[in-house]
N, C-alpha and C. Protein backbone atom coordinates (compact mmCIF):
# COMPACT_ATOMS: atom_id res chain seq x y z
N MET A 1 -48.45 29.11 37.14
CA MET A 1 -49.15 30.28 36.99
C MET A 1 -49.52 31.04 35.60
N LYS A 2 -50.43 31.00 35.39
CA LYS A 2 -51.08 31.77 34.53
C LYS A 2 -50.39 33.24 33.82
N PRO A 3 -50.58 32.94 32.52
CA PRO A 3 -49.90 34.52 32.29
C PRO A 3 -50.88 35.55 32.44
N LEU A 4 -50.63 36.99 32.28
CA LEU A 4 -51.31 38.01 32.76
C LEU A 4 -51.10 38.93 31.25
N ILE A 5 -52.41 39.51 30.88
CA ILE A 5 -52.80 40.08 29.98
C ILE A 5 -53.26 41.39 29.89
N TYR A 6 -53.17 42.52 29.36
CA TYR A 6 -53.89 43.76 29.80
C TYR A 6 -55.48 42.93 28.83
N CYS A 7 -56.26 43.30 29.84
CA CYS A 7 -57.78 43.34 28.94
C CYS A 7 -58.56 44.24 28.96
N PRO A 8 -58.65 44.97 27.72
CA PRO A 8 -59.25 46.43 27.23
C PRO A 8 -60.60 46.35 27.84
N LYS A 9 -61.72 45.45 27.87
CA LYS A 9 -63.24 45.08 27.88
C LYS A 9 -62.82 45.48 29.84
N CYS A 10 -61.75 44.66 30.64
CA CYS A 10 -61.70 45.12 32.19
C CYS A 10 -61.08 46.26 32.59
N ARG A 11 -60.37 46.75 31.64
CA ARG A 11 -59.34 47.74 31.86
C ARG A 11 -58.12 47.34 32.41
N GLN A 12 -57.95 46.47 32.96
CA GLN A 12 -56.62 46.25 33.47
C GLN A 12 -56.18 44.59 33.29
N GLU A 13 -54.73 44.12 33.73
CA GLU A 13 -54.32 42.76 33.77
C GLU A 13 -55.24 41.86 34.13
N ARG A 14 -55.15 40.86 33.58
CA ARG A 14 -56.07 39.86 33.82
C ARG A 14 -55.16 38.47 33.65
N SER A 15 -55.20 37.37 34.33
CA SER A 15 -54.94 35.98 34.05
C SER A 15 -55.58 35.30 32.99
N VAL A 16 -55.07 34.72 32.02
CA VAL A 16 -55.91 33.88 30.93
C VAL A 16 -55.75 32.75 30.87
N SER A 17 -56.65 32.37 29.94
CA SER A 17 -56.55 30.85 29.64
C SER A 17 -56.34 30.62 28.18
N VAL A 18 -55.92 29.58 27.79
CA VAL A 18 -55.55 29.75 26.29
C VAL A 18 -56.07 28.96 25.87
N ASN A 19 -56.72 28.82 24.57
CA ASN A 19 -57.67 27.78 23.99
C ASN A 19 -56.98 27.97 22.16
N HIS A 20 -57.22 27.05 21.82
CA HIS A 20 -56.92 26.71 20.29
C HIS A 20 -58.33 26.64 19.94
N THR A 21 -57.86 27.22 18.52
CA THR A 21 -59.12 27.02 17.52
C THR A 21 -58.56 27.10 16.24
N ILE A 22 -59.37 26.64 15.67
CA ILE A 22 -59.07 26.54 13.77
C ILE A 22 -58.98 28.07 13.19
N GLU A 23 -57.78 28.52 12.82
CA GLU A 23 -58.12 30.43 12.29
C GLU A 23 -57.22 29.95 10.83
N SER A 24 -57.83 31.12 9.75
CA SER A 24 -57.21 30.85 8.41
C SER A 24 -56.00 32.42 8.49
N TYR A 25 -54.88 31.77 8.04
CA TYR A 25 -53.71 32.77 8.65
C TYR A 25 -53.65 33.30 6.57
N PRO A 26 -53.74 34.43 5.84
CA PRO A 26 -53.33 34.58 4.37
C PRO A 26 -51.75 34.37 4.34
N VAL A 27 -50.91 33.60 3.92
CA VAL A 27 -49.89 33.68 3.69
C VAL A 27 -49.37 33.42 1.86
N LYS A 28 -49.10 34.45 1.51
CA LYS A 28 -48.60 34.86 -0.10
C LYS A 28 -50.14 34.74 -0.80
N ASN A 29 -50.76 35.66 -0.41
CA ASN A 29 -52.38 35.21 -1.17
C ASN A 29 -53.29 33.83 -0.67
N GLU A 30 -52.54 32.89 0.11
CA GLU A 30 -53.21 32.16 -0.06
C GLU A 30 -53.64 31.75 1.39
N PRO A 31 -54.81 31.07 1.70
CA PRO A 31 -55.28 30.89 3.18
C PRO A 31 -54.69 29.35 3.83
N ILE A 32 -53.88 29.59 4.90
CA ILE A 32 -53.41 28.63 5.34
C ILE A 32 -54.04 28.41 7.02
N GLU A 33 -54.91 27.53 6.90
CA GLU A 33 -55.68 27.23 8.46
C GLU A 33 -54.32 26.29 9.25
N ILE A 34 -54.48 26.65 10.60
CA ILE A 34 -53.68 26.29 12.02
C ILE A 34 -54.54 26.50 12.64
N LYS A 35 -54.31 25.46 14.09
CA LYS A 35 -55.04 24.96 15.31
C LYS A 35 -53.97 26.48 16.00
N ALA A 36 -54.92 27.83 15.79
CA ALA A 36 -54.20 28.94 16.74
C ALA A 36 -54.37 29.01 17.91
N GLU A 37 -53.12 29.39 18.57
CA GLU A 37 -53.48 29.67 20.32
C GLU A 37 -53.84 31.13 20.32
N VAL A 38 -55.08 31.18 21.22
CA VAL A 38 -55.55 32.22 21.94
C VAL A 38 -55.89 32.78 23.17
N PHE A 39 -55.78 33.60 23.39
CA PHE A 39 -55.99 34.26 24.95
C PHE A 39 -57.00 34.94 25.45
N ILE A 40 -57.89 34.21 26.56
CA ILE A 40 -59.15 34.36 26.78
C ILE A 40 -59.16 34.84 28.33
N CYS A 41 -59.77 35.99 28.51
CA CYS A 41 -59.73 36.64 29.63
C CYS A 41 -60.31 35.84 30.31
N ASP A 42 -59.51 35.49 31.86
CA ASP A 42 -60.73 34.66 32.61
C ASP A 42 -61.66 35.29 33.27
N ALA A 43 -61.66 36.92 33.34
CA ALA A 43 -62.82 37.47 34.10
C ALA A 43 -63.89 37.73 33.52
N CYS A 44 -63.78 38.44 32.05
CA CYS A 44 -64.79 38.49 31.33
C CYS A 44 -65.30 37.52 29.92
N GLY A 45 -63.95 36.91 29.80
CA GLY A 45 -64.21 35.98 28.53
C GLY A 45 -64.13 36.23 27.06
N GLU A 46 -63.26 37.48 27.41
CA GLU A 46 -63.02 38.56 26.00
C GLU A 46 -61.65 38.02 25.47
N GLU A 47 -61.69 37.75 23.84
CA GLU A 47 -60.58 37.17 23.25
C GLU A 47 -59.50 38.39 23.35
N LEU A 48 -58.26 37.86 23.51
CA LEU A 48 -57.16 39.07 23.74
C LEU A 48 -56.08 38.67 22.97
N TRP A 49 -55.20 40.11 22.14
CA TRP A 49 -54.55 39.58 21.50
C TRP A 49 -53.12 39.85 22.01
N ASP A 50 -52.47 38.90 21.91
CA ASP A 50 -50.98 38.90 22.09
C ASP A 50 -50.18 38.89 21.25
N GLN A 51 -49.41 39.40 21.36
CA GLN A 51 -48.06 39.41 20.01
C GLN A 51 -47.20 38.07 19.83
N LYS A 52 -46.69 37.59 21.12
CA LYS A 52 -45.93 36.51 20.76
C LYS A 52 -46.67 35.32 20.23
N ALA A 53 -48.19 35.44 21.03
CA ALA A 53 -48.85 34.28 20.76
C ALA A 53 -49.30 34.67 19.15
N ASP A 54 -49.68 35.78 18.53
CA ASP A 54 -49.75 35.62 17.18
C ASP A 54 -48.30 35.79 16.25
N ASP A 55 -47.06 35.78 16.55
CA ASP A 55 -46.10 35.58 15.96
C ASP A 55 -45.83 33.87 15.98
N ARG A 56 -46.06 33.20 17.07
CA ARG A 56 -46.09 31.77 16.61
C ARG A 56 -47.13 31.12 15.89
N ASN A 57 -48.18 32.07 15.95
CA ASN A 57 -49.37 31.39 14.85
C ASN A 57 -49.05 31.32 13.52
N LEU A 58 -48.27 32.61 13.45
CA LEU A 58 -48.01 32.76 11.67
C LEU A 58 -46.93 32.04 11.53
N GLU A 59 -46.04 31.97 12.27
CA GLU A 59 -44.93 30.60 12.02
C GLU A 59 -45.52 29.46 11.70
N LYS A 60 -46.07 28.91 12.56
CA LYS A 60 -47.35 27.52 12.35
C LYS A 60 -47.79 27.90 10.57
N ALA A 61 -48.18 28.71 10.40
CA ALA A 61 -48.97 29.19 9.03
C ALA A 61 -47.91 29.01 8.13
N TYR A 62 -46.39 29.72 8.23
CA TYR A 62 -45.74 29.88 7.43
C TYR A 62 -44.82 28.33 7.17
N ARG A 63 -44.94 27.34 8.02
CA ARG A 63 -44.41 26.14 8.21
C ARG A 63 -45.06 25.54 7.20
N ILE A 64 -46.31 25.28 7.57
CA ILE A 64 -47.42 24.55 6.74
C ILE A 64 -47.30 25.07 4.92
N TYR A 65 -47.16 26.47 5.01
CA TYR A 65 -46.92 27.00 3.46
C TYR A 65 -46.21 26.35 2.89
N ARG A 66 -44.19 26.35 3.72
CA ARG A 66 -43.74 26.02 3.14
C ARG A 66 -43.42 24.52 3.04
N LYS A 67 -44.36 23.78 3.55
CA LYS A 67 -44.64 22.38 3.45
C LYS A 67 -45.51 21.98 2.31
N ASN A 68 -46.70 22.74 2.31
CA ASN A 68 -47.54 22.60 1.07
C ASN A 68 -46.49 22.50 -0.38
N HIS A 69 -45.85 23.84 -0.29
CA HIS A 69 -45.18 24.01 -1.35
C HIS A 69 -43.61 23.45 -1.85
N GLN A 70 -43.72 22.69 -0.85
CA GLN A 70 -41.89 21.89 -0.72
C GLN A 70 -40.85 22.89 -1.08
N LEU A 71 -41.16 23.98 -0.16
CA LEU A 71 -39.65 24.94 0.28
C LEU A 71 -39.01 24.30 1.30
N LEU A 72 -38.10 25.08 1.40
CA LEU A 72 -37.13 24.21 2.90
C LEU A 72 -37.65 25.00 3.82
N GLN A 73 -37.57 24.26 5.10
CA GLN A 73 -37.92 24.99 6.16
C GLN A 73 -36.37 26.06 6.66
N PRO A 74 -36.80 26.80 7.40
CA PRO A 74 -35.61 27.51 8.05
C PRO A 74 -34.17 27.00 8.61
N GLU A 75 -34.74 25.86 9.11
CA GLU A 75 -33.66 25.38 10.07
C GLU A 75 -33.11 24.49 8.88
N GLU A 76 -33.55 23.79 7.69
CA GLU A 76 -32.71 23.47 6.88
C GLU A 76 -31.60 23.95 5.84
N ILE A 77 -32.32 25.41 5.80
CA ILE A 77 -31.53 25.92 5.12
C ILE A 77 -29.95 26.18 5.62
N LYS A 78 -30.34 26.48 7.13
CA LYS A 78 -29.40 26.77 7.98
C LYS A 78 -28.53 25.44 7.82
N ASN A 79 -28.71 24.01 8.09
CA ASN A 79 -27.96 23.15 8.25
C ASN A 79 -27.24 22.83 6.90
N ILE A 80 -27.93 23.41 5.63
CA ILE A 80 -27.06 23.21 4.37
C ILE A 80 -25.59 24.01 4.43
N ARG A 81 -26.16 24.98 4.99
CA ARG A 81 -25.26 26.65 4.72
C ARG A 81 -23.74 25.70 5.81
N ASP A 82 -24.31 25.40 7.27
CA ASP A 82 -23.41 24.96 8.43
C ASP A 82 -22.59 24.07 7.52
N ARG A 83 -23.24 22.92 6.73
CA ARG A 83 -22.30 21.96 6.63
C ARG A 83 -21.24 22.06 5.57
N TYR A 84 -21.36 23.09 4.94
CA TYR A 84 -20.16 23.32 4.34
C TYR A 84 -19.49 24.58 4.81
N GLY A 85 -19.86 25.02 6.10
CA GLY A 85 -19.15 25.90 7.10
C GLY A 85 -19.27 27.37 6.49
N LEU A 86 -19.88 27.74 5.79
CA LEU A 86 -20.34 28.89 5.14
C LEU A 86 -21.18 30.15 5.82
N THR A 87 -20.72 31.26 6.11
CA THR A 87 -21.54 32.13 6.81
C THR A 87 -22.44 32.58 5.90
N GLN A 88 -23.53 33.36 6.46
CA GLN A 88 -24.72 33.42 5.79
C GLN A 88 -24.51 34.56 4.39
N ILE A 89 -23.81 35.02 4.57
CA ILE A 89 -23.52 36.23 3.12
C ILE A 89 -22.83 35.41 2.41
N GLU A 90 -21.76 34.59 3.08
CA GLU A 90 -20.96 33.95 1.81
C GLU A 90 -21.59 33.01 1.14
N TYR A 91 -22.59 32.68 1.70
CA TYR A 91 -23.17 31.32 1.04
C TYR A 91 -24.62 31.71 -0.05
N ALA A 92 -24.73 32.99 0.27
CA ALA A 92 -26.00 33.76 -0.41
C ALA A 92 -25.01 34.28 -1.52
N ARG A 93 -23.90 34.81 -1.71
CA ARG A 93 -22.91 35.18 -2.40
C ARG A 93 -22.86 33.97 -3.21
N LEU A 94 -22.46 32.89 -3.40
CA LEU A 94 -22.11 31.69 -3.66
C LEU A 94 -23.69 30.96 -4.64
N LEU A 95 -24.61 31.42 -4.39
CA LEU A 95 -26.06 31.46 -4.98
C LEU A 95 -26.63 32.29 -5.55
N GLY A 96 -25.47 33.22 -5.59
CA GLY A 96 -25.78 34.68 -6.37
C GLY A 96 -27.23 35.67 -5.93
N LEU A 97 -27.26 35.29 -4.64
CA LEU A 97 -28.23 35.93 -3.97
C LEU A 97 -27.95 37.23 -3.11
N GLY A 98 -28.96 38.43 -2.79
CA GLY A 98 -28.59 39.50 -2.36
C GLY A 98 -27.74 39.02 -0.76
N ASP A 99 -26.89 39.71 -0.22
CA ASP A 99 -26.41 39.60 0.92
C ASP A 99 -27.04 39.25 1.99
N LYS A 100 -28.22 40.00 1.92
CA LYS A 100 -28.93 39.56 3.15
C LYS A 100 -30.35 38.37 3.51
N THR A 101 -30.49 38.02 1.91
CA THR A 101 -31.05 36.99 1.42
C THR A 101 -31.30 35.83 2.65
N VAL A 102 -30.52 34.83 2.47
CA VAL A 102 -29.92 34.27 3.42
C VAL A 102 -30.43 34.25 4.69
N THR A 103 -30.41 35.29 5.37
CA THR A 103 -30.42 35.96 6.73
C THR A 103 -31.76 35.81 6.88
N ARG A 104 -32.60 36.43 5.89
CA ARG A 104 -34.40 36.57 5.81
C ARG A 104 -34.97 35.10 6.31
N TYR A 105 -34.48 34.11 4.76
CA TYR A 105 -34.98 32.90 5.31
C TYR A 105 -34.75 32.16 6.31
N GLU A 106 -33.67 32.33 7.00
CA GLU A 106 -33.04 31.65 8.19
C GLU A 106 -34.40 32.03 9.10
N ALA A 107 -34.56 33.29 9.32
CA ALA A 107 -34.95 34.20 10.35
C ALA A 107 -36.49 33.94 10.10
N GLY A 108 -37.17 32.94 9.00
CA GLY A 108 -38.12 32.73 8.87
C GLY A 108 -39.30 33.41 7.64
N SER A 109 -38.34 34.23 6.79
CA SER A 109 -39.07 34.93 5.54
C SER A 109 -39.33 33.49 4.47
N ILE A 110 -40.30 33.67 3.73
CA ILE A 110 -40.90 32.79 2.51
C ILE A 110 -39.53 32.93 1.47
N GLN A 111 -39.10 32.19 1.31
CA GLN A 111 -38.50 32.34 -0.44
C GLN A 111 -39.12 31.65 -1.30
N ASP A 112 -38.95 32.48 -2.51
CA ASP A 112 -39.76 32.06 -3.65
C ASP A 112 -38.68 30.43 -4.26
N ASN A 113 -39.29 29.83 -5.33
CA ASN A 113 -39.16 28.62 -6.02
C ASN A 113 -37.75 28.90 -6.32
N ALA A 114 -37.37 29.83 -6.70
CA ALA A 114 -36.12 29.93 -7.65
C ALA A 114 -34.78 29.90 -6.40
N PRO A 115 -35.15 30.66 -5.54
CA PRO A 115 -34.08 30.12 -4.84
C PRO A 115 -33.83 29.11 -3.66
N ASN A 116 -35.04 28.91 -3.69
CA ASN A 116 -35.67 27.28 -2.86
C ASN A 116 -34.66 26.32 -3.49
N ASN A 117 -34.77 26.25 -5.13
CA ASN A 117 -34.32 25.52 -5.83
C ASN A 117 -32.93 25.44 -5.95
N LEU A 118 -32.27 26.81 -5.67
CA LEU A 118 -30.69 26.64 -5.75
C LEU A 118 -30.32 26.32 -4.48
N MET A 119 -31.09 26.06 -3.55
CA MET A 119 -30.55 25.84 -1.87
C MET A 119 -30.72 24.43 -1.72
N VAL A 120 -31.70 23.38 -2.51
CA VAL A 120 -32.21 22.25 -2.74
C VAL A 120 -30.68 22.00 -3.44
N LEU A 121 -30.52 22.48 -4.56
CA LEU A 121 -29.13 22.02 -5.13
C LEU A 121 -28.07 21.71 -4.68
N SER A 122 -27.62 23.06 -3.62
CA SER A 122 -26.64 23.04 -3.26
C SER A 122 -26.48 22.17 -1.78
N ARG A 123 -26.80 21.33 -1.83
CA ARG A 123 -27.08 20.23 -0.73
C ARG A 123 -26.12 19.30 -1.56
N SER A 124 -26.38 19.04 -2.82
CA SER A 124 -25.09 17.99 -3.30
C SER A 124 -23.39 18.25 -3.40
N PRO A 125 -22.80 17.61 -3.06
CA PRO A 125 -21.16 18.13 -3.23
C PRO A 125 -21.17 18.39 -4.40
N GLU A 126 -21.73 17.71 -5.77
CA GLU A 126 -21.04 18.12 -6.96
C GLU A 126 -21.56 19.46 -7.36
N VAL A 127 -22.78 20.14 -6.94
CA VAL A 127 -23.02 21.49 -7.24
C VAL A 127 -22.72 22.22 -6.23
N MET A 128 -22.43 21.85 -5.47
CA MET A 128 -21.55 23.11 -4.60
C MET A 128 -20.22 23.11 -4.91
N ARG A 129 -19.68 21.83 -5.80
CA ARG A 129 -18.26 22.13 -6.24
C ARG A 129 -18.21 23.21 -7.52
N PHE A 130 -19.12 22.93 -8.07
CA PHE A 130 -19.77 23.85 -9.52
C PHE A 130 -19.69 25.36 -8.75
N LEU A 131 -20.66 25.45 -7.73
CA LEU A 131 -21.30 26.90 -7.30
C LEU A 131 -19.72 27.66 -6.51
N LEU A 132 -18.64 26.77 -6.05
CA LEU A 132 -17.67 27.31 -5.53
C LEU A 132 -16.33 27.59 -6.87
N GLU A 133 -16.29 26.87 -7.56
CA GLU A 133 -15.51 26.85 -8.97
C GLU A 133 -15.65 28.17 -9.68
N ARG A 134 -17.15 28.46 -9.49
CA ARG A 134 -17.69 29.94 -10.16
C ARG A 134 -17.93 31.08 -9.61
N GLY A 135 -17.65 30.59 -8.34
CA GLY A 135 -17.58 31.79 -7.46
C GLY A 135 -16.23 32.22 -6.33
N ARG A 136 -15.27 31.53 -7.12
CA ARG A 136 -13.68 31.69 -6.33
C ARG A 136 -13.87 32.77 -5.71
N SER A 137 -13.84 33.78 -6.63
CA SER A 137 -13.38 35.21 -6.65
C SER A 137 -14.45 35.81 -4.90
N LEU A 138 -15.33 34.97 -4.62
CA LEU A 138 -16.27 35.36 -3.95
C LEU A 138 -15.26 35.04 -2.38
N LEU A 139 -14.47 33.86 -2.64
CA LEU A 139 -14.56 33.84 -1.20
C LEU A 139 -12.85 33.96 -0.94
N SER A 140 -12.14 34.22 0.37
CA SER A 140 -11.16 33.96 0.56
C SER A 140 -10.34 33.18 0.33
N LYS A 141 -8.86 32.83 -0.41
CA LYS A 141 -8.18 31.72 -0.79
C LYS A 141 -8.58 30.35 0.27
N GLN A 142 -8.49 30.91 1.84
CA GLN A 142 -8.16 29.92 3.09
C GLN A 142 -9.61 29.72 3.17
N LYS A 143 -10.84 30.30 2.84
CA LYS A 143 -12.28 29.56 2.83
C LYS A 143 -12.44 29.00 1.94
N PHE A 144 -12.47 29.18 0.65
CA PHE A 144 -12.40 28.42 -0.52
C PHE A 144 -11.88 27.06 -0.20
N SER A 145 -10.68 26.97 -0.17
CA SER A 145 -9.76 25.77 0.50
C SER A 145 -10.70 24.88 1.76
N GLU A 146 -11.07 25.69 2.52
CA GLU A 146 -11.75 24.95 3.89
C GLU A 146 -13.21 24.30 2.81
N VAL A 147 -13.78 24.81 2.41
CA VAL A 147 -15.11 24.64 1.61
C VAL A 147 -14.87 23.51 0.68
N MET A 148 -13.60 23.64 -0.16
CA MET A 148 -13.46 22.43 -1.13
C MET A 148 -13.57 21.45 -0.20
N GLU A 149 -12.66 21.28 0.60
CA GLU A 149 -12.01 20.50 1.68
C GLU A 149 -13.11 19.27 1.92
N LYS A 150 -14.40 20.45 2.60
CA LYS A 150 -15.50 19.88 3.12
C LYS A 150 -16.20 19.24 1.75
N VAL A 151 -16.26 19.67 0.81
CA VAL A 151 -17.04 18.90 -0.51
C VAL A 151 -16.28 17.75 -0.76
N ASN A 152 -14.73 17.97 -1.10
CA ASN A 152 -14.25 16.49 -1.21
C ASN A 152 -14.83 15.66 -0.03
N GLY A 153 -14.65 15.66 1.03
CA GLY A 153 -14.74 15.01 2.09
C GLY A 153 -16.20 14.07 1.81
N PHE A 154 -17.32 14.97 1.45
CA PHE A 154 -18.60 14.60 0.96
C PHE A 154 -18.69 13.48 0.11
N GLU A 155 -17.87 14.26 -1.18
CA GLU A 155 -17.80 13.31 -2.42
C GLU A 155 -17.09 11.83 -1.98
N ALA A 156 -15.99 11.96 -1.35
CA ALA A 156 -15.30 10.69 -0.76
C ALA A 156 -16.28 9.51 0.00
N ASN A 157 -16.95 10.67 0.77
CA ASN A 157 -18.01 9.28 1.60
C ASN A 157 -19.02 8.91 0.80
N THR A 158 -19.58 9.65 -0.09
CA THR A 158 -20.44 8.97 -1.20
C THR A 158 -20.26 7.71 -1.86
N ILE A 159 -18.96 8.29 -2.47
CA ILE A 159 -18.23 6.89 -2.93
C ILE A 159 -18.30 5.65 -2.24
N LYS A 160 -17.68 5.64 -1.02
CA LYS A 160 -17.58 4.97 -0.03
C LYS A 160 -18.62 4.20 -0.14
N LYS A 161 -19.67 5.06 0.21
CA LYS A 161 -21.26 4.02 0.41
C LYS A 161 -21.71 3.39 -0.58
N MET A 162 -21.38 3.97 -1.97
CA MET A 162 -21.86 3.79 -2.97
C MET A 162 -21.07 2.32 -3.59
N THR A 163 -20.11 2.26 -3.25
CA THR A 163 -19.13 1.21 -3.66
C THR A 163 -19.69 -0.37 -3.03
N PRO A 164 -20.14 -0.55 -2.07
CA PRO A 164 -20.74 -1.82 -1.71
C PRO A 164 -22.02 -2.28 -2.81
N LEU A 165 -22.78 -1.11 -2.90
CA LEU A 165 -23.80 -1.47 -3.69
C LEU A 165 -23.49 -1.61 -5.55
N LEU A 166 -22.58 -0.69 -5.41
CA LEU A 166 -22.06 -0.96 -7.17
C LEU A 166 -21.67 -2.78 -7.37
N LEU A 167 -20.74 -2.83 -6.50
CA LEU A 167 -20.14 -4.02 -6.70
C LEU A 167 -21.24 -4.99 -6.15
N HIS A 168 -22.28 -5.15 -5.77
CA HIS A 168 -23.21 -6.03 -5.37
C HIS A 168 -24.09 -5.70 -6.72
N ASP A 169 -24.37 -5.04 -7.30
CA ASP A 169 -24.98 -4.62 -8.26
C ASP A 169 -24.24 -5.91 -9.49
N ARG A 170 -23.02 -5.41 -9.54
CA ARG A 170 -22.09 -5.83 -10.48
C ARG A 170 -22.13 -7.37 -10.56
N GLU A 171 -22.55 -8.11 -9.28
CA GLU A 171 -21.80 -9.60 -9.07
C GLU A 171 -23.73 -10.51 -9.42
N ASP A 172 -24.99 -9.46 -9.18
CA ASP A 172 -26.17 -9.60 -10.07
C ASP A 172 -25.75 -9.93 -11.65
N ASP A 173 -25.10 -9.00 -12.17
CA ASP A 173 -25.20 -9.00 -13.68
C ASP A 173 -24.78 -9.73 -14.14
N GLN A 174 -23.40 -10.66 -13.58
CA GLN A 174 -22.88 -11.95 -13.85
C GLN A 174 -23.34 -13.19 -13.91
């Protein structure tokens, strides 16, 4: 079943076809070209605007912009935060960001380089340990312990994975 959208030229809801065309979307004053989803009225051929399609197109442009500028995608930010069991507010506070900042990034807002770099660095258990120790007062004692336990587990797994490589290197040196 084809979607129905109001056509101002026909002055009624009409079935539409979906076309794809190359369009440029300005993202942070930079033109980003995407293969945009566009609706065309089946009755008169008029190109129709649709909020949901426009949102999807804009999200495509944002994703390309993030990729071009080596910025984390929203799901990557969420994965880092979830890895440590932190809420959006807890994670933002440990990074020294505003309470709603991580929420906005996970919802699709584009971050600047500085907060992006902090989030990239926080992937590392060693960096997260540093942030936790400096921000100990920002979390409850229980939450601090829970997150520190996860950090310790990640560090232990890293050591286990590295040990065979290190032993192999030592054998090569002899």
